[in-house]
Amino acid sequence: MKKIILCAFSVATFYGSATAQTQIINIPDTNFKKALLDYDVDANSDGEIQKTEAESQDFLNIEGSNISSLEGIEHFVNITTLRCNSNSITTLDVSKNLKLNQLYCYDNLITALDVSKNVALVMLDCYENSIAALDVSNNLNLIGLNCVGNKITSLDVSKNLDLRGLYCEKNLLSCIQLNESQLSNINETWSKDDEAEYSLACGTTTNLDSNDDFSGFSIYPNPFESEFFITNSVRSELDKLELFSLSGTLLKTLNSSKTVHSLDEFPSGSYILKISGDNRISNTKIVKL
């Protein structure tokens, strides 16, 4: 009888240990793991983070912990606030953190941020990163957005009806799309670069007629840093070369006889280059870095 009891106990212990092992979350970044241990996420003090321990968290503050990777954050499915700012994070996947309503990931090295599944988000602080694109069209509850100091080329907040704070300077923005209510009542606390415009229809060029493409012309490099080239393989004459903002405002008439064109006097951002010649008109979007 003792042998049977001992055997049963051993089997239970083995399976219990195996189950506990399968519940351990893989956290490759040692600094991330240390930050979680310091934050007392390790409730049973075994030096590991189990899924149950991760799921018990609703607030996580790991700011300034010299973290490079947040792999493992997907198991913290119940957090509503994540503070991971002031680290060295390059990628951030919060697609599984569906309860997030506050995300503070500023002062990192993030190049891409997808918050399309975080529909509960009300506050997003992602400033001082290297984010190139930011889509907040699904974040209908968003109240505050700070994306200062990134590389964003387009921003549409027209669906964020409750937006109270918007800070988006030091990007590559020429135009910020708003809805009619926002445009007629611009919040005086909102900030943008002087050259960026608020508009109801960013990216549209309805006042820039176009009836053809100049297949014989090439514009390169695009994007460019200070100057770009126009080459002509069909030797068609250019009558006019004009630079417009994305909202259709004429900014400059360029010398159509030149091959090299400098835009040193203009800030980084997106523009429309209108080419006219031989009874043809073509509009091309160009980006200055």
Foldseek 3Di string as FASTA:
>chain_A
DVVVVVVVVVVVVVVVVVVQVVQFFDDPWPLLLVLCVVVVLVVVPPSTHGLVSLCVDQEEASDPRQTADPPRNLSNQRHQEYHHDHYAYADDDCLNNQNHQEYAHAHYAHADDDCLNNLNHAYDHHAHYAHADDDCLSNQNHAEYAHAQYAHFEEECQSNVNHDEAEYANYQYQEYAHDPVCVVPPRPRYDYDPNHYYDNDFQDAPVFDFDDDQPQWDWDDFAEAWKIFIDGRPPFQWPWKFKAGRVHHTDDTDDRVDGMDTDNVDDWHKIWIWTDGPNGIDIDIGTHD
